[in-house]
N, C-alpha and C. Protein backbone atom coordinates (compact mmCIF):
# COMPACT_ATOMS: atom_id res chain seq x y z
N MET A 1 -75.92 -94.09 -46.03
CA MET A 1 -75.57 -92.99 -45.18
C MET A 1 -76.70 -92.63 -44.23
N ALA A 2 -77.86 -92.85 -44.62
CA ALA A 2 -79.02 -92.53 -43.80
C ALA A 2 -78.99 -93.35 -42.52
N LYS A 3 -78.45 -94.56 -42.63
CA LYS A 3 -78.35 -95.41 -41.46
C LYS A 3 -77.41 -94.84 -40.43
N LYS A 4 -76.28 -94.30 -40.89
CA LYS A 4 -75.29 -93.73 -39.98
C LYS A 4 -75.89 -92.59 -39.20
N GLU A 5 -76.60 -91.74 -39.84
CA GLU A 5 -77.19 -90.60 -39.15
C GLU A 5 -78.19 -91.07 -38.11
N GLY A 6 -78.92 -92.09 -38.41
CA GLY A 6 -79.90 -92.61 -37.48
C GLY A 6 -79.23 -93.21 -36.26
N ASN A 7 -78.09 -93.90 -36.44
CA ASN A 7 -77.36 -94.52 -35.32
C ASN A 7 -76.77 -93.45 -34.40
N GLU A 8 -76.28 -92.37 -34.98
CA GLU A 8 -75.69 -91.30 -34.18
C GLU A 8 -76.72 -90.68 -33.27
N SER A 9 -77.91 -90.48 -33.73
CA SER A 9 -78.93 -89.86 -32.90
C SER A 9 -79.37 -90.78 -31.78
N GLN A 10 -79.26 -92.08 -31.98
CA GLN A 10 -79.62 -93.02 -30.93
C GLN A 10 -78.54 -93.09 -29.87
N ASP A 11 -77.23 -92.94 -30.21
CA ASP A 11 -76.11 -93.00 -29.27
C ASP A 11 -76.04 -91.76 -28.38
N GLN A 12 -76.43 -90.63 -28.85
CA GLN A 12 -76.36 -89.39 -28.08
C GLN A 12 -77.61 -89.23 -27.22
N PRO A 13 -77.39 -88.83 -25.92
CA PRO A 13 -78.56 -88.62 -25.07
C PRO A 13 -79.31 -87.36 -25.52
N ALA A 14 -80.54 -87.31 -25.15
CA ALA A 14 -81.36 -86.15 -25.50
C ALA A 14 -80.79 -84.93 -24.80
N PRO A 15 -80.91 -83.74 -25.39
CA PRO A 15 -80.35 -82.53 -24.79
C PRO A 15 -80.88 -82.28 -23.38
N ALA A 16 -82.07 -82.56 -23.08
CA ALA A 16 -82.63 -82.34 -21.75
C ALA A 16 -81.97 -83.26 -20.73
N GLU A 17 -81.72 -84.52 -21.12
CA GLU A 17 -81.04 -85.47 -20.23
C GLU A 17 -79.61 -85.01 -19.97
N SER A 18 -78.95 -84.53 -21.00
CA SER A 18 -77.57 -84.05 -20.90
C SER A 18 -77.47 -82.86 -19.94
N VAL A 19 -78.37 -81.94 -20.03
CA VAL A 19 -78.38 -80.75 -19.17
C VAL A 19 -78.66 -81.17 -17.73
N ASP A 20 -79.60 -82.08 -17.53
CA ASP A 20 -79.90 -82.57 -16.18
C ASP A 20 -78.69 -83.26 -15.57
N LYS A 21 -78.02 -84.06 -16.39
CA LYS A 21 -76.81 -84.77 -15.92
C LYS A 21 -75.71 -83.76 -15.52
N LEU A 22 -75.52 -82.74 -16.33
CA LEU A 22 -74.52 -81.71 -16.04
C LEU A 22 -74.89 -80.93 -14.78
N ARG A 23 -76.17 -80.61 -14.60
CA ARG A 23 -76.61 -79.90 -13.40
C ARG A 23 -76.36 -80.74 -12.15
N LYS A 24 -76.63 -82.03 -12.28
CA LYS A 24 -76.41 -82.94 -11.15
C LYS A 24 -74.92 -82.99 -10.80
N MET A 25 -74.06 -83.08 -11.83
CA MET A 25 -72.60 -83.12 -11.60
C MET A 25 -72.13 -81.80 -10.98
N LEU A 26 -72.69 -80.69 -11.47
CA LEU A 26 -72.33 -79.38 -10.93
C LEU A 26 -72.74 -79.27 -9.46
N ALA A 27 -73.92 -79.74 -9.12
CA ALA A 27 -74.38 -79.70 -7.74
C ALA A 27 -73.48 -80.55 -6.84
N GLU A 28 -73.06 -81.73 -7.34
CA GLU A 28 -72.16 -82.60 -6.58
C GLU A 28 -70.81 -81.92 -6.34
N GLU A 29 -70.31 -81.25 -7.37
CA GLU A 29 -69.03 -80.56 -7.24
C GLU A 29 -69.14 -79.37 -6.29
N LYS A 30 -70.25 -78.66 -6.34
CA LYS A 30 -70.44 -77.56 -5.40
C LYS A 30 -70.46 -78.07 -3.97
N LYS A 31 -71.18 -79.19 -3.77
CA LYS A 31 -71.24 -79.77 -2.42
C LYS A 31 -69.85 -80.21 -1.98
N ARG A 32 -69.10 -80.82 -2.88
CA ARG A 32 -67.73 -81.26 -2.56
C ARG A 32 -66.84 -80.06 -2.23
N ASN A 33 -66.95 -78.99 -3.00
CA ASN A 33 -66.16 -77.78 -2.76
C ASN A 33 -66.53 -77.14 -1.41
N GLU A 34 -67.81 -77.12 -1.09
CA GLU A 34 -68.23 -76.58 0.20
C GLU A 34 -67.67 -77.42 1.35
N ASP A 35 -67.68 -78.73 1.16
CA ASP A 35 -67.11 -79.63 2.18
C ASP A 35 -65.62 -79.36 2.36
N LEU A 36 -64.90 -79.22 1.24
CA LEU A 36 -63.45 -78.94 1.31
C LEU A 36 -63.20 -77.57 1.95
N LEU A 37 -64.02 -76.60 1.61
CA LEU A 37 -63.87 -75.26 2.19
C LEU A 37 -64.11 -75.29 3.70
N THR A 38 -65.09 -76.04 4.13
CA THR A 38 -65.38 -76.20 5.56
C THR A 38 -64.19 -76.85 6.26
N ARG A 39 -63.66 -77.91 5.65
CA ARG A 39 -62.48 -78.58 6.23
C ARG A 39 -61.30 -77.63 6.33
N LEU A 40 -61.09 -76.82 5.30
CA LEU A 40 -60.00 -75.86 5.29
C LEU A 40 -60.17 -74.83 6.42
N ARG A 41 -61.39 -74.37 6.61
CA ARG A 41 -61.64 -73.40 7.69
C ARG A 41 -61.35 -74.02 9.06
N TYR A 42 -61.77 -75.27 9.24
CA TYR A 42 -61.47 -75.96 10.51
C TYR A 42 -59.97 -76.12 10.70
N ALA A 43 -59.27 -76.46 9.62
CA ALA A 43 -57.81 -76.63 9.71
C ALA A 43 -57.14 -75.30 10.05
N GLN A 44 -57.60 -74.21 9.45
CA GLN A 44 -57.05 -72.90 9.75
C GLN A 44 -57.32 -72.52 11.21
N ALA A 45 -58.51 -72.80 11.69
CA ALA A 45 -58.84 -72.49 13.08
C ALA A 45 -57.99 -73.34 14.03
N ASP A 46 -57.79 -74.61 13.69
CA ASP A 46 -56.94 -75.48 14.52
C ASP A 46 -55.51 -74.96 14.56
N LEU A 47 -55.02 -74.52 13.40
CA LEU A 47 -53.66 -73.99 13.34
C LEU A 47 -53.53 -72.73 14.17
N GLU A 48 -54.48 -71.84 14.08
CA GLU A 48 -54.45 -70.60 14.86
C GLU A 48 -54.51 -70.90 16.36
N ASN A 49 -55.35 -71.86 16.75
CA ASN A 49 -55.42 -72.25 18.16
C ASN A 49 -54.11 -72.86 18.62
N TYR A 50 -53.49 -73.65 17.76
CA TYR A 50 -52.19 -74.25 18.08
C TYR A 50 -51.14 -73.17 18.28
N ARG A 51 -51.11 -72.19 17.39
CA ARG A 51 -50.14 -71.09 17.51
C ARG A 51 -50.33 -70.33 18.83
N LYS A 52 -51.58 -70.04 19.15
CA LYS A 52 -51.86 -69.32 20.39
C LYS A 52 -51.42 -70.14 21.60
N ARG A 53 -51.68 -71.45 21.57
CA ARG A 53 -51.30 -72.31 22.69
C ARG A 53 -49.77 -72.38 22.84
N VAL A 54 -49.07 -72.51 21.71
CA VAL A 54 -47.60 -72.57 21.75
C VAL A 54 -47.04 -71.24 22.25
N ASP A 55 -47.58 -70.12 21.78
CA ASP A 55 -47.12 -68.80 22.26
C ASP A 55 -47.32 -68.68 23.77
N LYS A 56 -48.48 -69.11 24.24
CA LYS A 56 -48.78 -69.04 25.67
C LYS A 56 -47.82 -69.93 26.46
N GLU A 57 -47.57 -71.15 25.96
CA GLU A 57 -46.66 -72.07 26.65
C GLU A 57 -45.23 -71.53 26.66
N MET A 58 -44.80 -70.91 25.56
CA MET A 58 -43.45 -70.33 25.50
C MET A 58 -43.33 -69.18 26.49
N LYS A 59 -44.36 -68.35 26.56
CA LYS A 59 -44.34 -67.23 27.49
C LYS A 59 -44.29 -67.74 28.93
N GLU A 60 -45.10 -68.76 29.22
CA GLU A 60 -45.11 -69.34 30.56
C GLU A 60 -43.76 -69.97 30.91
N ALA A 61 -43.14 -70.63 29.92
CA ALA A 61 -41.84 -71.26 30.16
C ALA A 61 -40.79 -70.19 30.46
N GLY A 62 -40.81 -69.10 29.71
CA GLY A 62 -39.88 -68.00 29.94
C GLY A 62 -40.08 -67.38 31.31
N GLU A 63 -41.33 -67.18 31.68
CA GLU A 63 -41.62 -66.61 33.00
C GLU A 63 -41.19 -67.56 34.11
N SER A 64 -41.38 -68.84 33.89
CA SER A 64 -40.98 -69.84 34.88
C SER A 64 -39.47 -69.81 35.07
N LEU A 65 -38.74 -69.73 33.97
CA LEU A 65 -37.28 -69.67 34.05
C LEU A 65 -36.84 -68.39 34.77
N ALA A 66 -37.50 -67.29 34.46
CA ALA A 66 -37.17 -66.02 35.12
C ALA A 66 -37.46 -66.10 36.62
N ARG A 67 -38.57 -66.75 36.99
CA ARG A 67 -38.90 -66.92 38.41
C ARG A 67 -37.84 -67.74 39.13
N ILE A 68 -37.40 -68.82 38.47
CA ILE A 68 -36.38 -69.69 39.07
C ILE A 68 -35.10 -68.88 39.28
N LEU A 69 -34.67 -68.13 38.26
CA LEU A 69 -33.45 -67.33 38.38
C LEU A 69 -33.61 -66.27 39.46
N ALA A 70 -34.75 -65.59 39.47
CA ALA A 70 -34.98 -64.55 40.48
C ALA A 70 -34.93 -65.15 41.87
N SER A 71 -35.50 -66.31 42.05
CA SER A 71 -35.48 -66.98 43.35
C SER A 71 -34.04 -67.27 43.79
N LYS A 72 -33.23 -67.76 42.86
CA LYS A 72 -31.83 -68.06 43.18
C LYS A 72 -31.05 -66.79 43.46
N LEU A 73 -31.35 -65.72 42.73
CA LEU A 73 -30.64 -64.46 42.93
C LEU A 73 -31.07 -63.78 44.23
N LEU A 74 -32.28 -64.03 44.69
CA LEU A 74 -32.71 -63.47 45.97
C LEU A 74 -31.88 -64.04 47.11
N THR A 75 -31.51 -65.31 47.00
CA THR A 75 -30.64 -65.92 48.00
C THR A 75 -29.29 -65.20 48.01
N VAL A 76 -28.78 -64.91 46.83
CA VAL A 76 -27.50 -64.18 46.72
C VAL A 76 -27.67 -62.78 47.30
N GLN A 77 -28.80 -62.13 47.02
CA GLN A 77 -29.07 -60.80 47.57
C GLN A 77 -29.06 -60.84 49.10
N ASP A 78 -29.70 -61.86 49.67
CA ASP A 78 -29.72 -61.99 51.13
C ASP A 78 -28.30 -62.12 51.68
N GLU A 79 -27.48 -62.91 50.99
CA GLU A 79 -26.10 -63.11 51.44
C GLU A 79 -25.29 -61.83 51.32
N LEU A 80 -25.54 -61.05 50.25
CA LEU A 80 -24.85 -59.76 50.10
C LEU A 80 -25.25 -58.80 51.21
N ASP A 81 -26.54 -58.79 51.56
CA ASP A 81 -27.01 -57.96 52.66
C ASP A 81 -26.31 -58.34 53.96
N LEU A 82 -26.21 -59.64 54.19
CA LEU A 82 -25.55 -60.14 55.39
C LEU A 82 -24.07 -59.76 55.40
N ALA A 83 -23.43 -59.91 54.23
CA ALA A 83 -22.00 -59.57 54.12
C ALA A 83 -21.79 -58.08 54.39
N ALA A 84 -22.65 -57.25 53.83
CA ALA A 84 -22.53 -55.81 54.06
C ALA A 84 -22.73 -55.47 55.53
N LYS A 85 -23.67 -56.14 56.17
CA LYS A 85 -23.93 -55.92 57.59
C LYS A 85 -22.71 -56.32 58.44
N HIS A 86 -22.13 -57.46 58.09
CA HIS A 86 -20.96 -57.93 58.84
C HIS A 86 -19.70 -57.13 58.51
N ALA A 87 -19.66 -56.51 57.33
CA ALA A 87 -18.50 -55.72 56.95
C ALA A 87 -18.33 -54.54 57.89
N GLU A 88 -19.46 -53.99 58.34
CA GLU A 88 -19.41 -52.85 59.26
C GLU A 88 -18.80 -53.25 60.60
N SER A 89 -19.07 -54.48 61.02
CA SER A 89 -18.58 -54.91 62.33
C SER A 89 -17.44 -55.93 62.25
N ALA A 90 -16.97 -56.22 61.04
CA ALA A 90 -15.90 -57.22 60.88
C ALA A 90 -14.62 -56.71 61.53
N LYS A 91 -14.03 -57.60 62.31
CA LYS A 91 -12.79 -57.23 62.99
C LYS A 91 -11.58 -57.40 62.09
N ASP A 92 -11.69 -58.33 61.17
CA ASP A 92 -10.57 -58.48 60.25
C ASP A 92 -11.10 -58.68 58.82
N ALA A 93 -10.25 -58.40 57.90
CA ALA A 93 -10.61 -58.45 56.49
C ALA A 93 -10.83 -59.89 56.04
N LYS A 94 -10.25 -60.85 56.74
CA LYS A 94 -10.38 -62.25 56.33
C LYS A 94 -11.84 -62.71 56.40
N GLU A 95 -12.58 -62.31 57.44
CA GLU A 95 -14.00 -62.67 57.56
C GLU A 95 -14.79 -62.10 56.39
N LEU A 96 -14.52 -60.86 56.08
CA LEU A 96 -15.20 -60.20 54.98
C LEU A 96 -14.87 -60.89 53.66
N GLU A 97 -13.62 -61.21 53.46
CA GLU A 97 -13.18 -61.88 52.24
C GLU A 97 -13.86 -63.24 52.09
N GLU A 98 -13.98 -63.99 53.18
CA GLU A 98 -14.65 -65.29 53.14
C GLU A 98 -16.13 -65.14 52.81
N GLY A 99 -16.76 -64.14 53.38
CA GLY A 99 -18.19 -63.89 53.11
C GLY A 99 -18.43 -63.54 51.66
N ILE A 100 -17.58 -62.69 51.12
CA ILE A 100 -17.73 -62.29 49.72
C ILE A 100 -17.46 -63.49 48.80
N ALA A 101 -16.47 -64.31 49.14
CA ALA A 101 -16.18 -65.51 48.34
C ALA A 101 -17.38 -66.46 48.34
N MET A 102 -18.06 -66.58 49.48
CA MET A 102 -19.24 -67.44 49.56
C MET A 102 -20.36 -66.90 48.69
N VAL A 103 -20.58 -65.61 48.72
CA VAL A 103 -21.62 -64.99 47.90
C VAL A 103 -21.30 -65.19 46.42
N LYS A 104 -20.05 -64.98 46.05
CA LYS A 104 -19.62 -65.14 44.66
C LYS A 104 -19.85 -66.57 44.19
N LYS A 105 -19.51 -67.53 45.03
CA LYS A 105 -19.69 -68.94 44.69
C LYS A 105 -21.17 -69.25 44.49
N ASN A 106 -22.02 -68.74 45.37
CA ASN A 106 -23.46 -68.99 45.25
C ASN A 106 -24.06 -68.32 44.02
N LEU A 107 -23.58 -67.15 43.67
CA LEU A 107 -24.05 -66.48 42.47
C LEU A 107 -23.67 -67.28 41.23
N GLU A 108 -22.42 -67.73 41.17
CA GLU A 108 -21.98 -68.53 40.03
C GLU A 108 -22.80 -69.81 39.92
N SER A 109 -23.09 -70.42 41.05
CA SER A 109 -23.91 -71.65 41.06
C SER A 109 -25.32 -71.36 40.55
N ALA A 110 -25.90 -70.24 40.97
CA ALA A 110 -27.25 -69.88 40.51
C ALA A 110 -27.26 -69.65 39.00
N LEU A 111 -26.26 -68.97 38.48
CA LEU A 111 -26.19 -68.71 37.05
C LEU A 111 -25.98 -70.01 36.26
N GLU A 112 -25.10 -70.88 36.76
CA GLU A 112 -24.86 -72.15 36.09
C GLU A 112 -26.12 -73.01 36.05
N SER A 113 -26.93 -72.94 37.09
CA SER A 113 -28.13 -73.77 37.15
C SER A 113 -29.16 -73.41 36.08
N VAL A 114 -29.09 -72.20 35.54
CA VAL A 114 -30.01 -71.81 34.47
C VAL A 114 -29.33 -71.78 33.10
N GLY A 115 -28.08 -72.25 33.02
CA GLY A 115 -27.41 -72.37 31.73
C GLY A 115 -26.37 -71.33 31.40
N VAL A 116 -26.02 -70.46 32.35
CA VAL A 116 -24.99 -69.45 32.11
C VAL A 116 -23.64 -70.02 32.53
N GLU A 117 -22.67 -70.00 31.60
CA GLU A 117 -21.34 -70.53 31.90
C GLU A 117 -20.28 -69.48 31.61
N ARG A 118 -19.25 -69.46 32.46
CA ARG A 118 -18.13 -68.54 32.29
C ARG A 118 -17.22 -69.06 31.17
N ILE A 119 -16.72 -68.15 30.35
CA ILE A 119 -15.77 -68.51 29.29
C ILE A 119 -14.37 -68.53 29.91
N GLU A 120 -13.70 -69.65 29.81
CA GLU A 120 -12.33 -69.74 30.30
C GLU A 120 -11.42 -69.12 29.24
N SER A 121 -10.63 -68.14 29.62
CA SER A 121 -9.86 -67.39 28.63
C SER A 121 -8.35 -67.44 28.83
N VAL A 122 -7.88 -67.21 30.05
CA VAL A 122 -6.45 -67.07 30.30
C VAL A 122 -5.71 -68.35 29.90
N GLY A 123 -4.66 -68.15 29.08
CA GLY A 123 -3.85 -69.27 28.62
C GLY A 123 -4.39 -69.92 27.37
N ARG A 124 -5.51 -69.49 26.89
CA ARG A 124 -6.13 -70.07 25.69
C ARG A 124 -5.81 -69.21 24.47
N THR A 125 -5.96 -69.81 23.31
CA THR A 125 -5.76 -69.10 22.05
C THR A 125 -6.83 -68.02 21.91
N PHE A 126 -6.41 -66.83 21.49
CA PHE A 126 -7.35 -65.72 21.30
C PHE A 126 -8.34 -66.09 20.20
N ASP A 127 -9.63 -65.93 20.49
CA ASP A 127 -10.70 -66.23 19.56
C ASP A 127 -11.62 -65.00 19.49
N PRO A 128 -11.59 -64.25 18.40
CA PRO A 128 -12.38 -63.01 18.32
C PRO A 128 -13.89 -63.24 18.42
N SER A 129 -14.35 -64.48 18.26
CA SER A 129 -15.78 -64.73 18.36
C SER A 129 -16.25 -64.78 19.82
N ILE A 130 -15.30 -64.97 20.78
CA ILE A 130 -15.67 -65.01 22.20
C ILE A 130 -14.84 -64.06 23.05
N HIS A 131 -13.80 -63.48 22.46
CA HIS A 131 -12.92 -62.57 23.19
C HIS A 131 -12.94 -61.19 22.54
N GLU A 132 -12.85 -60.17 23.37
CA GLU A 132 -12.71 -58.80 22.90
C GLU A 132 -11.37 -58.29 23.40
N ALA A 133 -10.43 -58.11 22.48
CA ALA A 133 -9.09 -57.67 22.85
C ALA A 133 -9.11 -56.18 23.15
N VAL A 134 -8.79 -55.82 24.40
CA VAL A 134 -8.74 -54.41 24.77
C VAL A 134 -7.30 -53.94 24.93
N GLU A 135 -6.38 -54.89 24.95
CA GLU A 135 -4.97 -54.54 25.04
C GLU A 135 -4.17 -55.66 24.37
N LYS A 136 -3.13 -55.25 23.64
CA LYS A 136 -2.28 -56.22 22.97
C LYS A 136 -0.82 -55.92 23.31
N VAL A 137 -0.06 -56.98 23.58
CA VAL A 137 1.37 -56.83 23.81
C VAL A 137 2.09 -57.81 22.89
N GLN A 138 3.26 -57.39 22.43
CA GLN A 138 4.02 -58.26 21.53
C GLN A 138 4.72 -59.34 22.35
N GLY A 139 4.56 -60.58 21.92
CA GLY A 139 5.19 -61.70 22.60
C GLY A 139 6.45 -62.14 21.87
N GLU A 140 7.12 -63.13 22.45
CA GLU A 140 8.37 -63.64 21.89
C GLU A 140 8.14 -64.95 21.13
N ALA A 141 7.08 -65.68 21.45
CA ALA A 141 6.87 -67.01 20.87
C ALA A 141 6.13 -66.92 19.54
N ALA A 142 6.40 -67.91 18.69
CA ALA A 142 5.68 -68.02 17.43
C ALA A 142 4.42 -68.85 17.68
N GLY A 143 3.51 -68.83 16.73
CA GLY A 143 2.30 -69.63 16.88
C GLY A 143 1.07 -68.75 16.93
N ASP A 144 0.19 -69.07 17.88
CA ASP A 144 -1.08 -68.34 17.99
C ASP A 144 -0.99 -67.22 19.01
N ASP A 145 -1.87 -66.23 18.84
CA ASP A 145 -2.02 -65.18 19.84
C ASP A 145 -2.70 -65.82 21.06
N VAL A 146 -2.23 -65.46 22.26
CA VAL A 146 -2.71 -66.10 23.48
C VAL A 146 -3.23 -65.05 24.45
N VAL A 147 -4.32 -65.39 25.13
CA VAL A 147 -4.89 -64.51 26.16
C VAL A 147 -4.02 -64.64 27.40
N ILE A 148 -3.50 -63.50 27.90
CA ILE A 148 -2.65 -63.56 29.09
C ILE A 148 -3.33 -62.98 30.32
N GLU A 149 -4.42 -62.23 30.11
CA GLU A 149 -5.12 -61.66 31.26
C GLU A 149 -6.58 -61.41 30.87
N GLU A 150 -7.47 -61.68 31.81
CA GLU A 150 -8.89 -61.42 31.60
C GLU A 150 -9.28 -60.20 32.42
N LEU A 151 -9.75 -59.16 31.74
CA LEU A 151 -10.12 -57.93 32.43
C LEU A 151 -11.60 -57.92 32.83
N ARG A 152 -12.41 -58.64 32.08
CA ARG A 152 -13.83 -58.82 32.42
C ARG A 152 -14.26 -60.17 31.88
N SER A 153 -14.91 -60.94 32.72
CA SER A 153 -15.33 -62.28 32.32
C SER A 153 -16.39 -62.24 31.22
N GLY A 154 -16.32 -63.25 30.37
CA GLY A 154 -17.33 -63.44 29.34
C GLY A 154 -18.18 -64.64 29.71
N PHE A 155 -19.39 -64.70 29.14
CA PHE A 155 -20.31 -65.78 29.48
C PHE A 155 -21.07 -66.26 28.26
N THR A 156 -21.45 -67.54 28.31
CA THR A 156 -22.35 -68.09 27.31
C THR A 156 -23.64 -68.51 28.02
N PHE A 157 -24.72 -68.52 27.27
CA PHE A 157 -25.99 -68.99 27.79
C PHE A 157 -26.43 -70.14 26.91
N ARG A 158 -26.36 -71.34 27.47
CA ARG A 158 -26.73 -72.56 26.75
C ARG A 158 -26.04 -72.66 25.41
N GLY A 159 -24.73 -72.38 25.44
CA GLY A 159 -23.91 -72.53 24.24
C GLY A 159 -23.84 -71.32 23.34
N GLN A 160 -24.63 -70.30 23.59
CA GLN A 160 -24.59 -69.10 22.76
C GLN A 160 -23.94 -67.96 23.55
N LEU A 161 -23.17 -67.16 22.82
CA LEU A 161 -22.44 -66.07 23.47
C LEU A 161 -23.42 -65.07 24.09
N LEU A 162 -23.23 -64.83 25.36
CA LEU A 162 -24.02 -63.84 26.08
C LEU A 162 -23.25 -62.53 26.16
N ARG A 163 -21.96 -62.65 26.48
CA ARG A 163 -21.08 -61.48 26.58
C ARG A 163 -19.65 -61.96 26.35
N PRO A 164 -18.88 -61.29 25.45
CA PRO A 164 -17.50 -61.71 25.23
C PRO A 164 -16.60 -61.32 26.41
N SER A 165 -15.53 -62.06 26.55
CA SER A 165 -14.53 -61.74 27.58
C SER A 165 -13.69 -60.56 27.09
N MET A 166 -13.43 -59.58 27.97
CA MET A 166 -12.50 -58.50 27.64
C MET A 166 -11.12 -58.98 28.10
N VAL A 167 -10.18 -59.04 27.16
CA VAL A 167 -8.90 -59.68 27.47
C VAL A 167 -7.70 -58.88 26.99
N LYS A 168 -6.57 -59.23 27.60
CA LYS A 168 -5.27 -58.72 27.18
C LYS A 168 -4.62 -59.87 26.41
N VAL A 169 -4.11 -59.57 25.21
CA VAL A 169 -3.60 -60.61 24.32
C VAL A 169 -2.12 -60.44 24.07
N GLU A 170 -1.41 -61.57 24.15
CA GLU A 170 0.00 -61.59 23.77
C GLU A 170 0.06 -62.04 22.32
N LEU A 171 0.56 -61.14 21.46
CA LEU A 171 0.64 -61.43 20.04
C LEU A 171 1.84 -62.31 19.75
N ALA A 172 1.64 -63.30 18.92
CA ALA A 172 2.73 -64.19 18.52
C ALA A 172 3.61 -63.47 17.51
N THR A 173 4.88 -63.86 17.47
CA THR A 173 5.78 -63.26 16.48
C THR A 173 5.42 -63.84 15.12
N ARG A 174 5.55 -62.99 14.11
CA ARG A 174 5.21 -63.41 12.75
C ARG A 174 6.34 -63.04 11.81
N THR A 175 6.47 -63.81 10.77
CA THR A 175 7.44 -63.47 9.74
C THR A 175 6.87 -62.31 8.94
N ALA A 176 7.70 -61.63 8.16
CA ALA A 176 7.24 -60.50 7.37
C ALA A 176 6.14 -60.93 6.41
N LYS A 177 6.25 -62.15 5.87
CA LYS A 177 5.25 -62.67 4.93
C LYS A 177 3.91 -62.86 5.65
N GLU A 178 3.91 -63.43 6.85
CA GLU A 178 2.68 -63.65 7.63
C GLU A 178 2.02 -62.33 8.01
N ALA A 179 2.84 -61.33 8.34
CA ALA A 179 2.32 -60.04 8.74
C ALA A 179 1.58 -59.37 7.57
N LYS A 180 2.11 -59.48 6.35
CA LYS A 180 1.46 -58.90 5.17
C LYS A 180 0.13 -59.59 4.90
N VAL A 181 0.06 -60.90 5.07
CA VAL A 181 -1.16 -61.66 4.82
C VAL A 181 -2.23 -61.29 5.83
N SER A 182 -1.89 -61.11 7.11
CA SER A 182 -2.87 -60.80 8.15
C SER A 182 -3.37 -59.36 8.06
N GLU A 183 -2.65 -58.48 7.39
CA GLU A 183 -3.09 -57.07 7.26
C GLU A 183 -4.02 -56.94 6.13
């Protein structure tokens, strides 16, 4: 047994060597942690700079779009001024009507160029997600409720509802069973 004890003491490093080795490992880990912390700080700074740059670019893009729309609407404003001026001296209503039609066409073109589109309603199936029914009349036909008159145009902006159409709806006839289910 004495031999075993002697072998064990030879296999184990001296306590001073063990402490030095642990201190060295601890110093290496501290250096590694500091390096990782520095990298993390740089990554956070890069992310913050990226966010600021994207915010600035988004703001500039919005302002650019607004400038483009304003420029197109100024042309319409000029035409309205001209139409109003000619309305005072117009000899017949036809000239005035033509001028207003031209202004309307140019306004619609300006709005379309930035992504605003009119919702086509008359003759289409009533859709509460894009239509606002302000008047309803009972119809004779079965099937779907149909828009029969548009009181105010609705618009979408790049596929999203900007304003619903205000419409008059012809209600389809329903059986007593269908009427109970819809109520």
